[in-house]
Amino acid sequence: MKKTLAGIVLGLASAVAFAWPTKTVTIIVPFPPGGSTDMIARIISNELGPKIGGTVVVDNKAGATGTIGAAQVARSEPDGYTLLVASLGPFVIAPHLMKVQYDALKDLDPITVAVRAPNVLVVPAASKHKSLADVLSYLKANPGKMSFATSGAGSSDHLTSELFWQQTGTSGLHVPYKGGGPVMTDLLGNQVDSSFMNINTALPQIQAGKLRPLVITSAKRSPLLPNVPTLEESGIKDANVYSWQAVAGPHGMPAELKNRLQRDIAAILSEPATKAKLEGLGFELVLNTPEEFAKYEATEYARWQKLIHDRHITAN
């Protein structure tokens, strides 16, 4: 059979796709080194190079709650040589709180949500609050008196607090800090009453007996904290929250390339030793397809947009 022109074009396109990469692939992390997002990016970069037969490097481009690095990726060529590994902030939260130089739903192509982790409501070990019931009773009797420390206005832990207050008909005192480090310091020093911390951050201090976990924001109990109830089983609906780390690229990447990257990243993070390490830190593997990520992102985008609007939340 003679090849049609369309068949020849498709063949050439496949050849080009499989020729990738011919130069260094850069993963931009829009945060400083050392955090959860940076860790996920470096696990991926260390193993992705050998898988694709090329070089993969991580470039930390911190600033403006992750939106500077995200904007750089959005402006890049959609050729697979510039990728973004970021938390949910630049994707679905920051666009509702500040002016960003990209359209999160249009200028970035979803590849996969790599991992997710719930938040845990924690109090100092010396706290009088022994359970979620204690907290709710206190909040209802003392509106706006119990302090909830967060890593910043508009952060995931702040939005979790706002969602919690909204769904329980209560109010607390929001105490924003510049980052998670100061939150932990003052929480351990009994300077603040509580915090909805990411499980990765809280777990070491919980295990050390310095923080008491009261409730978790996951859909089901964490195997790392099996005795900590979920919000849902405690009767608080529609308040499940996950912080997640995802991989994306500039808009217009070939579907074949996005699917290849998703498969390779899924294989890397599903490797038994890597999976065990991540789960031991409190992460759950997601590894969804580009199409599934796009739907999830749209849902999360709308969810946080509504909460930010309804609660009059600002980044200042």
Protein backbone atom coordinates (compact mmCIF):
# COMPACT_ATOMS: atom_id res chain seq x y z
CA MET A 1 0.00 0.00 0.00
CA LYS A 2 1.17 3.47 -0.83
CA LYS A 3 1.61 5.82 2.08
CA THR A 4 -0.75 8.77 2.12
CA LEU A 5 0.56 12.27 2.71
CA ALA A 6 -1.17 12.27 6.11
CA GLY A 7 0.58 9.03 7.02
CA ILE A 8 3.96 10.46 6.07
CA VAL A 9 3.33 13.56 8.15
CA LEU A 10 2.31 11.45 11.15
CA GLY A 11 5.40 9.31 10.73
CA LEU A 12 7.64 12.37 10.67
CA ALA A 13 5.89 13.78 13.75
CA SER A 14 6.51 10.53 15.63
CA ALA A 15 10.14 10.53 14.63
CA VAL A 16 10.55 14.06 15.92
CA ALA A 17 8.81 13.17 19.19
CA PHE A 18 11.01 10.15 19.77
CA ALA A 19 14.13 12.21 19.04
CA TRP A 20 13.46 14.12 22.26
CA PRO A 21 15.56 15.05 24.14
CA THR A 22 18.51 16.44 22.22
CA LYS A 23 19.45 18.98 24.90
CA THR A 24 19.10 19.53 28.65
CA VAL A 25 15.62 19.40 30.16
CA THR A 26 15.10 22.01 32.90
CA ILE A 27 12.61 21.49 35.71
CA ILE A 28 11.71 24.82 37.25
CA VAL A 29 10.73 24.75 40.91
CA PRO A 30 9.15 28.10 41.83
CA PHE A 31 10.25 27.86 45.47
CA PRO A 32 13.57 27.82 47.37
CA PRO A 33 15.51 24.55 47.71
CA GLY A 34 14.70 22.23 50.57
CA GLY A 35 10.91 22.11 50.65
CA SER A 36 8.52 19.33 49.68
CA THR A 37 8.11 20.53 46.11
CA ASP A 38 11.87 20.77 45.63
CA MET A 39 12.30 17.26 47.02
CA ILE A 40 9.75 15.79 44.59
CA ALA A 41 11.37 17.63 41.67
CA ARG A 42 14.82 16.29 42.55
CA ILE A 43 13.59 12.72 42.87
CA ILE A 44 12.06 13.04 39.41
CA SER A 45 15.09 14.78 37.88
CA ASN A 46 17.58 12.24 39.25
CA GLU A 47 15.76 9.33 37.62
CA LEU A 48 14.20 10.95 34.56
CA GLY A 49 17.55 11.64 32.86
CA PRO A 50 18.53 7.95 32.53
CA LYS A 51 14.98 7.05 31.46
CA ILE A 52 14.92 9.52 28.58
CA GLY A 53 18.61 9.25 27.72
CA GLY A 54 19.37 12.88 28.47
CA THR A 55 20.23 15.41 31.14
CA VAL A 56 17.64 16.82 33.52
CA VAL A 57 18.40 19.68 35.92
CA VAL A 58 16.39 21.52 38.58
CA ASP A 59 16.34 25.31 38.60
CA ASN A 60 14.84 27.04 41.65
CA LYS A 61 13.10 30.27 40.64
CA ALA A 62 11.49 31.44 43.86
CA GLY A 63 9.33 34.52 44.34
CA ALA A 64 5.77 35.83 44.54
CA THR A 65 4.40 32.61 46.10
CA GLY A 66 5.60 30.53 43.17
CA THR A 67 4.12 32.63 40.39
CA ILE A 68 7.42 33.97 39.02
CA GLY A 69 8.69 30.50 38.16
CA ALA A 70 5.29 29.43 36.87
CA ALA A 71 5.15 32.46 34.58
CA GLN A 72 8.60 31.62 33.19
CA VAL A 73 7.43 28.14 32.27
CA ALA A 74 4.24 29.53 30.73
CA ARG A 75 6.35 31.76 28.45
CA SER A 76 8.65 28.91 27.36
CA GLU A 77 8.50 26.93 24.15
CA PRO A 78 6.23 23.86 24.45
CA ASP A 79 8.99 21.52 23.31
CA GLY A 80 9.49 19.50 26.49
CA TYR A 81 12.71 21.22 27.54
CA THR A 82 11.14 23.39 30.24
CA LEU A 83 8.87 21.82 32.85
CA LEU A 84 7.28 23.03 36.07
CA VAL A 85 7.06 21.14 39.35
CA ALA A 86 4.95 23.16 41.78
CA SER A 87 2.50 22.86 44.62
CA LEU A 88 -1.15 23.77 44.22
CA GLY A 89 -0.50 27.46 45.01
CA PRO A 90 0.60 28.72 41.58
CA PHE A 91 -1.99 26.51 39.88
CA VAL A 92 -5.21 27.15 41.80
CA ILE A 93 -4.74 29.63 44.68
CA ALA A 94 -2.41 32.50 43.77
CA PRO A 95 -4.37 33.51 40.63
CA HIS A 96 -7.29 34.49 42.91
CA LEU A 97 -5.16 36.49 45.35
CA MET A 98 -2.77 38.48 43.19
CA LYS A 99 -2.08 39.60 39.66
CA VAL A 100 -0.15 36.84 37.93
CA GLN A 101 1.57 36.89 34.54
CA TYR A 102 -0.16 33.78 33.20
CA ASP A 103 -3.54 32.09 32.96
CA ALA A 104 -3.20 28.98 35.09
CA LEU A 105 -5.87 27.05 33.19
CA LYS A 106 -4.76 28.05 29.69
CA ASP A 107 -1.02 28.79 29.67
CA LEU A 108 0.20 25.62 31.39
CA ASP A 109 -0.33 22.08 30.09
CA PRO A 110 -1.10 19.57 32.88
CA ILE A 111 1.07 16.45 32.88
CA THR A 112 0.40 14.76 36.23
CA VAL A 113 -0.32 15.38 39.88
CA ALA A 114 2.58 13.46 41.37
CA VAL A 115 1.69 13.32 45.06
CA ARG A 116 -0.67 14.78 47.59
CA ALA A 117 -0.73 15.10 51.38
CA PRO A 118 -3.46 16.15 53.81
CA ASN A 119 -3.27 18.74 56.56
CA VAL A 120 -3.52 17.91 60.24
CA LEU A 121 -5.00 20.15 62.93
CA VAL A 122 -2.35 20.15 65.64
CA VAL A 123 -2.04 21.79 69.05
CA PRO A 124 0.92 21.88 71.45
CA ALA A 125 1.26 18.82 73.66
CA ALA A 126 0.46 21.00 76.69
CA SER A 127 -2.81 22.27 75.17
CA LYS A 128 -6.05 21.84 77.07
CA HIS A 129 -7.68 20.76 73.81
CA LYS A 130 -7.60 16.97 73.71
CA SER A 131 -9.97 16.41 70.80
CA LEU A 132 -11.78 18.09 67.93
CA ALA A 133 -14.88 18.25 70.14
CA ASP A 134 -12.90 20.33 72.64
CA VAL A 135 -11.87 22.75 69.89
CA LEU A 136 -15.39 23.13 68.51
CA SER A 137 -16.84 23.66 71.99
CA TYR A 138 -14.26 26.36 72.70
CA LEU A 139 -14.71 28.10 69.35
CA LYS A 140 -18.48 28.26 69.77
CA ALA A 141 -18.16 29.66 73.28
CA ASN A 142 -15.30 32.01 72.39
CA PRO A 143 -15.63 33.24 68.77
CA GLY A 144 -12.40 34.61 67.32
CA LYS A 145 -10.35 33.79 70.41
CA MET A 146 -8.47 30.60 69.50
CA SER A 147 -5.41 31.34 67.35
CA PHE A 148 -4.69 29.39 64.17
CA ALA A 149 -1.16 29.97 62.90
CA THR A 150 -0.46 29.73 59.18
CA SER A 151 2.51 30.10 56.86
CA GLY A 152 0.92 33.18 55.32
CA ALA A 153 -2.31 34.80 54.21
CA GLY A 154 -3.75 32.84 51.31
CA SER A 155 -1.60 29.79 52.00
CA SER A 156 -3.02 26.26 51.92
CA ASP A 157 -3.06 26.07 55.72
CA HIS A 158 -4.85 29.43 55.91
CA LEU A 159 -7.48 28.33 53.40
CA THR A 160 -7.95 25.09 55.32
CA SER A 161 -8.63 27.10 58.48
CA GLU A 162 -11.12 29.30 56.65
CA LEU A 163 -12.88 26.27 55.18
CA PHE A 164 -12.99 24.64 58.62
CA TRP A 165 -14.56 27.74 60.19
CA GLN A 166 -17.01 28.05 57.31
CA GLN A 167 -18.15 24.44 57.51
CA THR A 168 -18.47 24.43 61.30
CA GLY A 169 -20.05 27.86 61.66
CA THR A 170 -17.24 29.02 63.93
CA SER A 171 -14.48 31.61 63.82
CA GLY A 172 -10.89 31.60 65.01
CA LEU A 173 -8.08 34.11 65.08
CA HIS A 174 -5.88 33.90 61.99
CA VAL A 175 -2.20 34.51 62.79
CA PRO A 176 -0.17 34.62 59.53
CA TYR A 177 3.59 34.10 59.53
CA LYS A 178 6.20 34.37 56.79
CA GLY A 179 6.69 30.67 56.21
CA GLY A 180 6.21 27.42 58.06
CA GLY A 181 9.38 27.59 60.18
CA PRO A 182 8.22 30.42 62.46
CA VAL A 183 4.83 28.72 62.80
CA MET A 184 6.45 25.59 64.17
CA THR A 185 8.68 27.57 66.52
CA ASP A 186 5.80 29.46 68.09
CA LEU A 187 3.53 26.42 68.16
CA LEU A 188 6.13 24.40 70.06
CA GLY A 189 6.69 27.42 72.31
CA ASN A 190 2.96 27.63 73.13
CA GLN A 191 2.74 31.12 71.62
CA VAL A 192 -0.16 30.10 69.37
CA ASP A 193 -2.98 27.66 69.98
CA SER A 194 -3.15 25.57 66.82
CA SER A 195 -2.36 25.12 63.14
CA PHE A 196 -3.61 23.13 60.17
CA MET A 197 -0.15 21.86 59.22
CA ASN A 198 0.78 19.67 56.30
CA ILE A 199 1.30 16.15 57.59
CA ASN A 200 4.87 16.13 56.24
CA THR A 201 5.76 19.10 58.41
CA ALA A 202 3.88 18.05 61.52
CA LEU A 203 4.69 14.34 61.62
CA PRO A 204 8.19 14.50 63.20
CA GLN A 205 6.94 16.67 66.08
CA ILE A 206 3.84 14.50 66.50
CA GLN A 207 6.05 11.42 66.71
CA ALA A 208 8.29 13.23 69.20
CA GLY A 209 5.27 13.91 71.40
CA LYS A 210 5.56 17.68 71.08
CA LEU A 211 2.40 18.21 69.03
CA ARG A 212 -1.01 16.60 69.46
CA PRO A 213 -2.94 15.80 66.26
CA LEU A 214 -6.70 16.24 66.56
CA VAL A 215 -8.12 15.71 63.09
CA ILE A 216 -6.90 15.12 59.53
CA THR A 217 -8.23 16.61 56.28
CA SER A 218 -7.92 13.46 54.14
CA ALA A 219 -10.81 11.41 52.82
CA LYS A 220 -9.74 8.48 54.98
CA ARG A 221 -7.43 8.05 57.95
CA SER A 222 -3.70 8.13 57.35
CA PRO A 223 -1.79 4.89 58.04
CA LEU A 224 0.82 7.13 59.68
CA LEU A 225 -1.76 8.50 62.13
CA PRO A 226 -4.34 5.72 62.37
CA ASN A 227 -5.87 7.04 65.58
CA VAL A 228 -6.53 10.52 64.19
CA PRO A 229 -10.09 10.87 62.82
CA THR A 230 -10.93 12.60 59.56
CA LEU A 231 -13.07 15.73 59.39
CA GLU A 232 -15.68 13.82 57.43
CA GLU A 233 -16.08 11.04 59.99
CA SER A 234 -16.28 13.78 62.61
CA GLY A 235 -19.37 15.13 60.85
CA ILE A 236 -17.74 18.03 58.97
CA LYS A 237 -18.56 17.72 55.28
CA ASP A 238 -16.86 19.15 52.20
CA ALA A 239 -13.73 20.17 54.09
CA ASN A 240 -11.24 17.60 52.83
CA VAL A 241 -8.03 19.35 51.80
CA TYR A 242 -4.86 18.10 50.18
CA SER A 243 -1.69 19.94 49.38
CA TRP A 244 -0.37 18.55 46.12
CA GLN A 245 2.71 18.69 43.93
CA ALA A 246 2.24 18.48 40.18
CA VAL A 247 4.16 18.54 36.91
CA ALA A 248 3.19 20.79 34.00
CA GLY A 249 4.68 22.35 30.90
CA PRO A 250 4.00 25.30 28.62
CA HIS A 251 0.72 25.24 26.71
CA GLY A 252 0.90 23.44 23.38
CA MET A 253 3.08 20.44 24.25
CA PRO A 254 2.47 17.43 21.98
CA ALA A 255 0.10 14.93 23.58
CA GLU A 256 2.55 12.11 22.90
CA LEU A 257 5.25 13.90 24.87
CA LYS A 258 2.96 14.69 27.81
CA ASN A 259 1.82 11.08 27.97
CA ARG A 260 5.41 9.83 27.82
CA LEU A 261 6.44 12.14 30.66
CA GLN A 262 3.45 11.05 32.74
CA ARG A 263 4.35 7.37 32.26
CA ASP A 264 8.01 7.95 33.09
CA ILE A 265 7.24 10.01 36.20
CA ALA A 266 4.72 7.41 37.35
CA ALA A 267 7.32 4.67 36.95
CA ILE A 268 9.93 6.69 38.87
CA LEU A 269 7.72 7.48 41.85
CA SER A 270 6.18 3.99 41.91
CA GLU A 271 9.58 2.32 42.28
CA PRO A 272 9.23 0.40 45.59
CA ALA A 273 11.98 2.16 47.54
CA THR A 274 10.89 5.61 46.35
CA LYS A 275 7.22 4.90 47.01
CA ALA A 276 8.01 3.65 50.53
CA LYS A 277 10.08 6.76 51.26
CA LEU A 278 7.33 9.11 50.07
CA GLU A 279 4.58 7.27 51.94
CA GLY A 280 6.73 7.32 55.06
CA LEU A 281 6.75 11.11 54.80
CA GLY A 282 2.98 11.25 54.52
CA PHE A 283 2.60 11.55 50.76
CA GLU A 284 0.05 9.63 48.72
CA LEU A 285 0.92 8.86 45.10
CA VAL A 286 -1.60 10.25 42.60
CA LEU A 287 0.11 9.96 39.18
CA ASN A 288 -2.99 10.78 37.15
CA THR A 289 -3.08 11.35 33.40
CA PRO A 290 -2.88 14.80 31.77
CA GLU A 291 -6.62 14.66 31.13
CA GLU A 292 -7.40 13.67 34.73
CA PHE A 293 -5.10 16.39 36.06
CA ALA A 294 -6.84 18.99 33.87
CA LYS A 295 -10.25 18.07 35.32
CA TYR A 296 -8.91 18.04 38.88
CA GLU A 297 -7.20 21.38 38.42
CA ALA A 298 -10.40 22.97 37.12
CA THR A 299 -12.33 21.65 40.13
CA GLU A 300 -9.70 22.86 42.62
CA TYR A 301 -9.45 26.23 40.85
CA ALA A 302 -13.19 26.81 41.18
CA ARG A 303 -13.29 25.55 44.75
CA TRP A 304 -10.60 27.90 46.06
CA GLN A 305 -11.85 30.80 43.96
CA LYS A 306 -15.26 30.51 45.63
CA LEU A 307 -13.84 30.22 49.15
CA ILE A 308 -11.50 33.19 48.64
CA HIS A 309 -14.40 35.26 47.33
CA ASP A 310 -16.92 34.17 49.95
CA ARG A 311 -14.52 34.67 52.87
CA HIS A 312 -13.05 37.93 51.51
CA ILE A 313 -9.53 36.52 51.75
CA THR A 314 -6.62 38.66 50.60
CA ALA A 315 -2.91 37.99 50.35
CA ASN A 316 -2.04 40.99 52.53
